[in-house]
Protein backbone atom coordinates (compact mmCIF):
# COMPACT_ATOMS: atom_id res chain seq x y z
CA UNK A 1 0.61 25.61 -34.31
CA UNK A 2 -2.58 23.57 -34.55
CA UNK A 3 -5.39 25.21 -32.56
CA UNK A 4 -7.54 22.08 -32.29
CA UNK A 5 -8.51 20.76 -28.90
CA UNK A 6 -5.78 18.30 -27.87
CA UNK A 7 -8.33 16.10 -26.11
CA UNK A 8 -9.83 15.27 -29.51
CA UNK A 9 -6.58 13.69 -30.54
CA UNK A 10 -6.76 11.14 -27.72
CA UNK A 11 -7.94 7.69 -28.73
CA UNK A 12 -8.09 4.86 -26.18
CA UNK A 13 -8.04 2.27 -28.97
CA UNK A 14 -5.95 3.51 -31.91
CA UNK A 15 -6.41 2.03 -35.37
CA UNK A 16 -4.14 -0.73 -36.54
CA UNK A 17 -2.28 1.69 -38.81
CA UNK A 18 -1.14 3.78 -35.87
CA UNK A 19 2.62 3.35 -35.35
CA UNK A 20 3.89 1.87 -32.10
CA UNK A 21 5.63 5.05 -31.02
CA UNK A 22 2.35 6.99 -31.27
CA UNK A 23 0.53 4.46 -29.09
CA UNK A 24 3.17 4.58 -26.38
CA UNK A 25 2.96 8.34 -26.01
CA UNK A 26 -0.81 8.81 -25.82
CA UNK A 27 -2.33 10.28 -22.68
CA UNK A 28 -5.47 9.03 -20.96
CA UNK A 29 -7.93 11.46 -19.48
CA UNK A 30 -7.74 11.46 -15.68
CA UNK A 31 -11.44 12.05 -15.08
CA UNK A 32 -14.83 12.37 -16.80
CA UNK A 33 -17.46 9.90 -17.76
CA UNK A 34 -16.08 9.30 -21.25
CA UNK A 35 -13.21 10.18 -23.46
CA UNK A 36 -13.31 11.31 -27.05
CA UNK A 37 -14.72 8.76 -29.42
CA UNK A 38 -17.45 7.58 -27.05
CA UNK A 39 -15.28 5.05 -25.18
CA UNK A 40 -15.80 4.90 -21.43
CA UNK A 41 -13.12 6.34 -19.22
CA UNK A 42 -11.13 4.19 -16.82
CA UNK A 43 -13.24 3.18 -13.87
CA UNK A 44 -12.32 4.39 -10.42
CA UNK A 45 -10.95 1.66 -8.16
CA UNK A 46 -13.59 -0.09 -6.10
CA UNK A 47 -13.38 -0.26 -2.33
CA UNK A 48 -11.53 -3.38 -1.15
CA UNK A 49 -13.43 -6.32 0.31
CA UNK A 50 -14.19 -5.92 4.03
CA UNK A 51 -13.31 -9.61 4.46
CA UNK A 52 -9.68 -9.04 3.45
CA UNK A 53 -8.47 -10.07 6.92
CA UNK A 54 -5.32 -11.90 5.78
CA UNK A 55 -3.03 -9.39 7.49
CA UNK A 56 -1.19 -9.65 10.78
CA UNK A 57 -2.42 -6.24 11.90
CA UNK A 58 -6.09 -7.12 11.31
CA UNK A 59 -5.73 -10.48 13.07
CA UNK A 60 -4.08 -8.90 16.10
CA UNK A 61 -6.71 -6.17 16.38
CA UNK A 62 -9.62 -8.59 16.10
CA UNK A 63 -8.18 -11.12 18.55
CA UNK A 64 -7.17 -8.49 21.11
CA UNK A 65 -10.49 -6.66 20.72
CA UNK A 66 -12.50 -9.84 21.35
CA UNK A 67 -10.34 -10.73 24.34
CA UNK A 68 -10.83 -7.25 25.80
CA UNK A 69 -14.62 -7.47 25.45
CA UNK A 70 -14.71 -10.96 26.96
CA UNK A 71 -12.44 -9.91 29.81
CA UNK A 72 -14.67 -6.96 30.65
CA UNK A 73 -17.75 -9.17 30.48
CA UNK A 74 -16.54 -11.84 32.88
CA UNK A 75 -15.14 -9.26 35.32
CA UNK A 76 -18.67 -8.21 36.32
CA UNK A 77 -19.18 -11.49 38.19
CA UNK A 78 -15.65 -11.63 39.64
CA UNK A 79 -14.99 -11.12 43.33
CA UNK A 80 -11.54 -9.63 42.78
CA UNK A 81 -8.66 -9.20 40.38
CA UNK A 82 -7.40 -12.76 40.82
CA UNK A 83 -10.87 -14.17 40.24
CA UNK A 84 -11.34 -11.93 37.18
CA UNK A 85 -8.07 -13.14 35.64
CA UNK A 86 -9.02 -16.75 36.32
CA UNK A 87 -12.43 -16.27 34.69
CA UNK A 88 -10.84 -14.50 31.72
CA UNK A 89 -8.34 -17.35 31.24
CA UNK A 90 -11.18 -19.87 31.20
CA UNK A 91 -13.21 -17.75 28.77
CA UNK A 92 -10.19 -17.38 26.49
CA UNK A 93 -10.34 -21.15 25.89
CA UNK A 94 -13.61 -20.47 24.07
CA UNK A 95 -13.16 -16.99 22.60
CA UNK A 96 -9.66 -17.40 21.16
CA UNK A 97 -10.35 -20.53 19.02
CA UNK A 98 -13.65 -19.00 17.89
CA UNK A 99 -11.94 -15.76 16.80
CA UNK A 100 -9.21 -17.57 14.90
CA UNK A 101 -11.71 -19.88 13.19
CA UNK A 102 -13.80 -16.90 12.03
CA UNK A 103 -10.72 -15.11 10.68
CA UNK A 104 -9.38 -18.17 8.85
CA UNK A 105 -12.70 -18.86 7.09
CA UNK A 106 -13.19 -15.17 6.26
CA UNK A 107 -9.69 -14.99 4.78
CA UNK A 108 -10.22 -18.11 2.68
CA UNK A 109 -13.60 -16.93 1.34
CA UNK A 110 -12.85 -13.20 1.10
CA UNK A 111 -13.29 -12.93 -2.70
CA UNK A 112 -16.65 -14.71 -2.74
CA UNK A 113 -17.94 -12.86 0.32
CA UNK A 114 -16.76 -9.51 -1.04
CA UNK A 115 -19.13 -9.94 -4.02
CA UNK A 116 -22.10 -10.98 -1.87
CA UNK A 117 -24.95 -8.51 -1.24
CA UNK A 118 -24.91 -6.44 1.93
CA UNK A 119 -27.49 -8.56 3.76
CA UNK A 120 -25.66 -11.72 2.76
CA UNK A 121 -22.40 -10.45 4.23
CA UNK A 122 -24.04 -9.63 7.56
CA UNK A 123 -25.91 -12.94 7.64
CA UNK A 124 -22.78 -14.92 6.85
CA UNK A 125 -20.60 -13.07 9.37
CA UNK A 126 -23.05 -13.39 12.27
CA UNK A 127 -23.91 -17.00 11.46
CA UNK A 128 -20.28 -18.02 11.29
CA UNK A 129 -19.63 -16.18 14.55
CA UNK A 130 -22.44 -18.10 16.23
CA UNK A 131 -21.20 -21.44 14.87
CA UNK A 132 -17.60 -20.67 15.87
CA UNK A 133 -18.69 -19.72 19.39
CA UNK A 134 -20.76 -22.91 19.77
CA UNK A 135 -17.95 -25.12 18.42
CA UNK A 136 -15.39 -23.52 20.72
CA UNK A 137 -17.70 -24.02 23.70
CA UNK A 138 -18.22 -27.64 22.69
CA UNK A 139 -14.44 -28.05 22.63
CA UNK A 140 -14.20 -26.67 26.16
CA UNK A 141 -17.00 -28.99 27.34
CA UNK A 142 -15.30 -31.94 25.66
CA UNK A 143 -12.11 -31.18 27.57
CA UNK A 144 -14.17 -30.94 30.74
CA UNK A 145 -15.71 -34.34 29.99
CA UNK A 146 -12.26 -35.82 29.40
CA UNK A 147 -11.14 -34.58 32.83
CA UNK A 148 -14.29 -35.16 34.89
CA UNK A 149 -16.07 -37.88 32.96
CA UNK A 150 -19.37 -35.97 32.92
CA UNK A 151 -21.36 -36.31 29.67
CA UNK A 152 -21.71 -33.41 27.23
CA UNK A 153 -25.23 -32.44 26.23
CA UNK A 154 -26.93 -29.62 24.42
CA UNK A 155 -28.10 -27.30 27.21
CA UNK A 156 -28.40 -23.62 28.04
CA UNK A 157 -24.61 -23.30 28.36
CA UNK A 158 -24.33 -23.30 24.55
CA UNK A 159 -26.66 -20.30 24.11
CA UNK A 160 -24.46 -17.50 25.57
CA UNK A 161 -21.37 -18.46 23.48
CA UNK A 162 -23.57 -18.74 20.39
CA UNK A 163 -25.18 -15.31 20.86
CA UNK A 164 -21.90 -13.71 21.96
CA UNK A 165 -20.14 -15.10 18.89
CA UNK A 166 -22.80 -13.66 16.59
CA UNK A 167 -22.69 -10.26 18.31
CA UNK A 168 -18.89 -10.01 18.26
CA UNK A 169 -18.81 -11.15 14.61
CA UNK A 170 -21.28 -8.40 13.72
CA UNK A 171 -19.19 -5.80 15.55
CA UNK A 172 -16.06 -7.09 13.80
CA UNK A 173 -17.70 -6.87 10.38
CA UNK A 174 -18.84 -3.31 11.12
CA UNK A 175 -15.25 -2.33 11.93
CA UNK A 176 -13.92 -4.13 8.85
CA UNK A 177 -16.42 -2.34 6.60
CA UNK A 178 -15.45 1.03 8.07
CA UNK A 179 -11.77 0.17 7.55
CA UNK A 180 -12.34 -0.95 3.93
CA UNK A 181 -14.35 2.15 3.02
CA UNK A 182 -11.74 4.44 4.60
CA UNK A 183 -9.01 3.12 2.30
CA UNK A 184 -10.46 4.52 -0.94
CA UNK A 185 -10.96 8.17 0.17
CA UNK A 186 -7.56 8.16 1.84
CA UNK A 187 -5.98 6.86 -1.34
CA UNK A 188 -7.78 9.48 -3.43
CA UNK A 189 -6.62 12.27 -1.11
CA UNK A 190 -3.07 10.95 -1.19
CA UNK A 191 -3.18 10.67 -5.00
CA UNK A 192 -4.38 14.26 -5.39
CA UNK A 193 -1.76 15.58 -2.98
CA UNK A 194 0.95 13.65 -4.78
CA UNK A 195 -0.15 14.93 -8.15
CA UNK A 196 -0.05 18.47 -6.83
CA UNK A 197 3.42 17.97 -5.36
CA UNK A 198 4.84 15.89 -8.19
CA UNK A 199 3.52 17.15 -11.53
CA UNK A 200 4.67 20.72 -11.07
CA UNK A 201 4.66 23.15 -13.98
CA UNK A 202 8.38 23.84 -13.72
CA UNK A 203 9.16 20.13 -14.13
CA UNK A 204 7.01 19.95 -17.27
CA UNK A 205 8.54 23.13 -18.70
CA UNK A 206 12.10 22.04 -17.91
CA UNK A 207 11.53 18.66 -19.53
CA UNK A 208 9.99 20.21 -22.65
CA UNK A 209 12.86 22.73 -22.87
CA UNK A 210 15.33 19.84 -22.63
CA UNK A 211 13.52 18.05 -25.45
CA UNK A 212 13.41 21.21 -27.59
CA UNK A 213 17.14 21.72 -27.13
CA UNK A 214 17.79 18.12 -28.17
CA UNK A 215 15.55 18.13 -31.25
CA UNK A 216 18.17 19.75 -33.48
CA UNK A 217 21.27 18.01 -32.14
CA UNK A 218 19.96 14.59 -31.03
CA UNK A 219 16.40 13.80 -32.21
CA UNK A 220 16.48 10.25 -30.84
CA UNK A 221 17.25 11.43 -27.31
CA UNK A 222 14.57 14.11 -27.61
CA UNK A 223 12.04 11.44 -28.59
CA UNK A 224 13.16 9.32 -25.63
CA UNK A 225 12.64 12.24 -23.24
CA UNK A 226 9.13 12.86 -24.52
CA UNK A 227 8.24 9.16 -24.31
CA UNK A 228 9.46 9.00 -20.71
CA UNK A 229 7.50 12.13 -19.86
CA UNK A 230 4.36 10.71 -21.47
CA UNK A 231 4.74 7.47 -19.51
CA UNK A 232 5.11 9.38 -16.25
CA UNK A 233 1.95 11.38 -16.88
CA UNK A 234 0.06 8.33 -18.14
CA UNK A 235 0.87 6.42 -14.95
CA UNK A 236 0.05 9.36 -12.70
CA UNK A 237 -3.20 10.39 -14.35
CA UNK A 238 -4.81 7.27 -15.76
CA UNK A 239 -3.78 4.28 -13.66
CA UNK A 240 -6.77 3.11 -11.59
CA UNK A 241 -4.81 0.46 -9.70
CA UNK A 242 -4.18 0.84 -6.00
CA UNK A 243 -1.18 -1.46 -5.95
CA UNK A 244 1.63 -2.65 -8.16
CA UNK A 245 4.96 -4.44 -7.94
CA UNK A 246 8.27 -3.04 -6.84
CA UNK A 247 9.59 -3.81 -10.33
CA UNK A 248 7.00 -1.50 -11.90
CA UNK A 249 7.92 1.28 -9.48
CA UNK A 250 11.61 0.87 -10.25
CA UNK A 251 10.93 1.09 -13.99
CA UNK A 252 8.92 4.29 -13.56
CA UNK A 253 11.62 5.80 -11.35
CA UNK A 254 14.23 4.93 -13.99
CA UNK A 255 12.26 6.94 -16.56
CA UNK A 256 12.01 9.91 -14.24
CA UNK A 257 15.69 9.88 -13.30
CA UNK A 258 16.62 9.41 -16.96
CA UNK A 259 14.91 12.72 -17.71
CA UNK A 260 16.64 14.41 -14.80
CA UNK A 261 20.04 13.06 -15.89
CA UNK A 262 19.56 14.72 -19.27
CA UNK A 263 18.61 17.90 -17.48
CA UNK A 264 21.44 18.03 -14.92
CA UNK A 265 24.14 16.23 -16.89
CA UNK A 266 27.30 15.66 -14.84
CA UNK A 267 25.75 17.27 -11.77
CA UNK A 268 23.79 14.11 -10.94
CA UNK A 269 25.04 10.58 -10.33
CA UNK A 270 22.55 7.72 -10.00
CA UNK A 271 23.39 4.19 -8.84
CA UNK A 272 21.00 1.23 -8.81
CA UNK A 273 21.63 -1.76 -6.52
CA UNK A 274 18.68 -4.08 -7.13
CA UNK A 275 17.98 -7.57 -5.81
CA UNK A 276 15.66 -9.17 -8.36
CA UNK A 277 14.36 -11.63 -5.77
CA UNK A 278 12.31 -8.90 -4.06
CA UNK A 279 11.04 -6.99 -7.11
CA UNK A 280 7.77 -8.93 -7.00
CA UNK A 281 6.76 -7.38 -3.66
CA UNK A 282 3.46 -5.48 -3.73
CA UNK A 283 3.53 -1.76 -2.94
CA UNK A 284 1.13 1.15 -3.45
CA UNK A 285 1.39 2.57 -6.95
CA UNK A 286 3.47 5.72 -7.54
CA UNK A 287 5.31 5.31 -4.24
CA UNK A 288 8.95 5.37 -5.40
CA UNK A 289 8.84 8.25 -7.89
CA UNK A 290 8.02 10.93 -5.26
CA UNK A 291 10.95 9.69 -3.17
CA UNK A 292 13.50 9.98 -5.98
CA UNK A 293 12.02 13.35 -6.93
CA UNK A 294 12.58 14.54 -3.37
CA UNK A 295 16.15 13.29 -3.63
CA UNK A 296 16.64 15.31 -6.84
CA UNK A 297 15.07 18.47 -5.41
CA UNK A 298 16.84 18.51 -2.07
CA UNK A 299 20.05 16.63 -2.84
CA UNK A 300 20.96 17.66 -6.40
CA UNK A 301 19.04 20.75 -7.48
CA UNK A 302 19.72 22.57 -4.20
CA UNK A 303 23.49 21.99 -4.51
CA UNK A 304 25.41 24.00 -7.16
CA UNK A 305 27.99 21.21 -7.23
CA UNK A 306 25.37 18.53 -7.81
CA UNK A 307 24.92 15.31 -5.90
CA UNK A 308 24.26 11.59 -6.02
CA UNK A 309 21.31 9.21 -5.52
CA UNK A 310 21.39 5.51 -4.67
CA UNK A 311 18.30 3.28 -5.02
CA UNK A 312 18.74 -0.10 -3.36
CA UNK A 313 16.49 -3.15 -2.90
CA UNK A 314 17.39 -6.20 -0.85
CA UNK A 315 15.94 -9.13 1.07
CA UNK A 316 16.11 -8.80 4.84
CA UNK A 317 14.35 -10.95 7.46
CA UNK A 318 11.77 -12.16 4.94
CA UNK A 319 10.88 -8.63 3.83
CA UNK A 320 11.59 -6.57 0.73
CA UNK A 321 13.58 -3.53 1.82
CA UNK A 322 13.78 -0.44 -0.41
CA UNK A 323 16.13 2.42 0.42
CA UNK A 324 16.59 5.73 -1.38
CA UNK A 325 19.72 7.59 -0.30
CA UNK A 326 20.95 10.96 -1.50
CA UNK A 327 23.63 13.49 -0.69
CA UNK A 328 22.63 16.75 0.99
CA UNK A 329 24.09 20.23 0.50
CA UNK A 330 26.75 21.15 3.03
CA UNK A 331 25.42 24.72 3.13
CA UNK A 332 21.92 26.19 3.13
CA UNK A 333 18.69 24.26 3.76
CA UNK A 334 19.03 20.49 3.75
CA UNK A 335 16.62 17.82 2.65
CA UNK A 336 15.49 17.44 6.24
CA UNK A 337 14.17 21.01 6.52
CA UNK A 338 13.64 22.39 3.02
CA UNK A 339 10.38 20.61 2.19
CA UNK A 340 7.00 20.28 3.88
CA UNK A 341 7.08 16.49 4.06
CA UNK A 342 3.90 16.03 1.99
CA UNK A 343 5.30 13.20 -0.13
CA UNK A 344 6.74 11.38 2.89
CA UNK A 345 3.46 11.60 4.80
CA UNK A 346 1.57 10.27 1.77
CA UNK A 347 3.97 7.36 1.40
CA UNK A 348 3.72 6.50 5.09
CA UNK A 349 -0.10 6.65 5.04
CA UNK A 350 -0.50 4.51 1.94
CA UNK A 351 1.93 1.88 3.23
CA UNK A 352 -0.07 1.68 6.46
CA UNK A 353 -3.34 1.33 4.56
CA UNK A 354 -1.99 -1.45 2.37
CA UNK A 355 0.23 -3.48 4.70
CA UNK A 356 -0.74 -2.18 8.17
CA UNK A 357 1.77 -3.28 10.85
CA UNK A 358 3.64 -5.51 8.38
CA UNK A 359 5.17 -2.46 6.68
CA UNK A 360 7.94 -0.28 8.06
CA UNK A 361 8.83 3.28 7.02
CA UNK A 362 11.67 5.48 8.20
CA UNK A 363 13.21 8.68 6.84
CA UNK A 364 15.83 11.09 8.09
CA UNK A 365 19.42 12.26 8.05
CA UNK A 366 22.15 9.76 8.87
CA UNK A 367 25.46 11.10 10.06
CA UNK A 368 28.49 10.14 8.06
CA UNK A 369 31.54 8.47 9.52
CA UNK A 370 34.29 10.81 10.60
CA UNK A 371 34.44 13.85 8.31
CA UNK A 372 31.94 12.37 5.84
CA UNK A 373 28.88 14.60 5.22
CA UNK A 374 25.44 13.39 6.33
CA UNK A 375 23.21 11.39 4.00
CA UNK A 376 19.42 11.50 3.76
CA UNK A 377 17.94 7.99 3.71
CA UNK A 378 14.37 6.80 3.20
CA UNK A 379 13.78 3.15 4.10
CA UNK A 380 10.67 1.09 3.27
CA UNK A 381 10.13 -2.55 4.27
CA UNK A 382 7.13 -4.55 3.01
CA UNK A 383 6.27 -8.26 3.24
CA UNK A 384 7.02 -10.52 0.32
CA UNK A 385 4.15 -12.46 -1.30
CA UNK A 386 4.40 -16.27 -0.92
CA UNK A 387 5.42 -16.71 -4.57
CA UNK A 388 8.34 -14.29 -4.20
CA UNK A 389 9.41 -15.87 -0.91
CA UNK A 390 9.90 -19.18 -2.66
CA UNK A 391 12.15 -17.55 -5.29
CA UNK A 392 14.10 -15.58 -2.68
CA UNK A 393 14.84 -18.69 -0.62
CA UNK A 394 16.40 -20.59 -3.53
């Protein structure tokens, strides 16, 4: 066996004479400043823009937060609860349009503002907040003029909304920056935990043993196993992307389950029920493979008689719904109690970071009808991008 360092054999840009099969099975180094040959390693993903406010959860939090602050502010001068509610309703005529205007402009200009320097982001946010507050107050004064006939002029009444808008915009930007910076460490922690739970030595050894056994009797299948294994490790160790499409996740899960089908043979049955209209939905990378691995561990490997797995995607209420179902052993520990739930917690956390309240996650045993055994089901629902919604509605 060659005793050379295997890292020296890695080349990020192989020569033109390198065959295609060799390119497809090369590994990328997961960390380090550079790989062999002097080429820079893949850059770590940058923190998302703090102005990425185009999410229902962010909009709700900002609007409700501003309304809460305004309500507390006007209650100081109120004589009672009824008066406080009346003052808050009047103030909402100014604060609500101002909040929505700030969010709409921030969403539209999020890419440009995300590349602006730190001082520029603060200046823009506070200035827009001041302008939005002044415009909303002018709207309220215009309505007052329409009712009473009194003229609208620039007076002291415009100063408090202007300053309040700037202050609330600054507080909102501070929260958005904290939220954006928290996504990258949480993703890194989730990625490390998933790698620890997913790329286990026994899986590598079992896969290599399967390939070794196939080399003599079926070299083509052995090559296919090694290519699938290389793709799994390449995705897990070298992909810097935080998000991908559901189609990419399905393809990676197919490779993994293809390896397991060679390993378990007739003991495992896999069925795919895929709706192509929802495969363009965006999901965190490496989110499906841990779920199907859990299904193999707790539904197939734990049962001497084997088991089955069903992966299904469908369109439901304008969302892409992914379900992974598997049989559970009728005796001994089941999928609900055998594991520590690390993969499920990681999936739930990353869905929340990416889609916030627009995503839905549920996992647990579902009782079968009559004498049917229970089934373990993991269900994920994520919003469809506008482009995919148009295709799905055709």
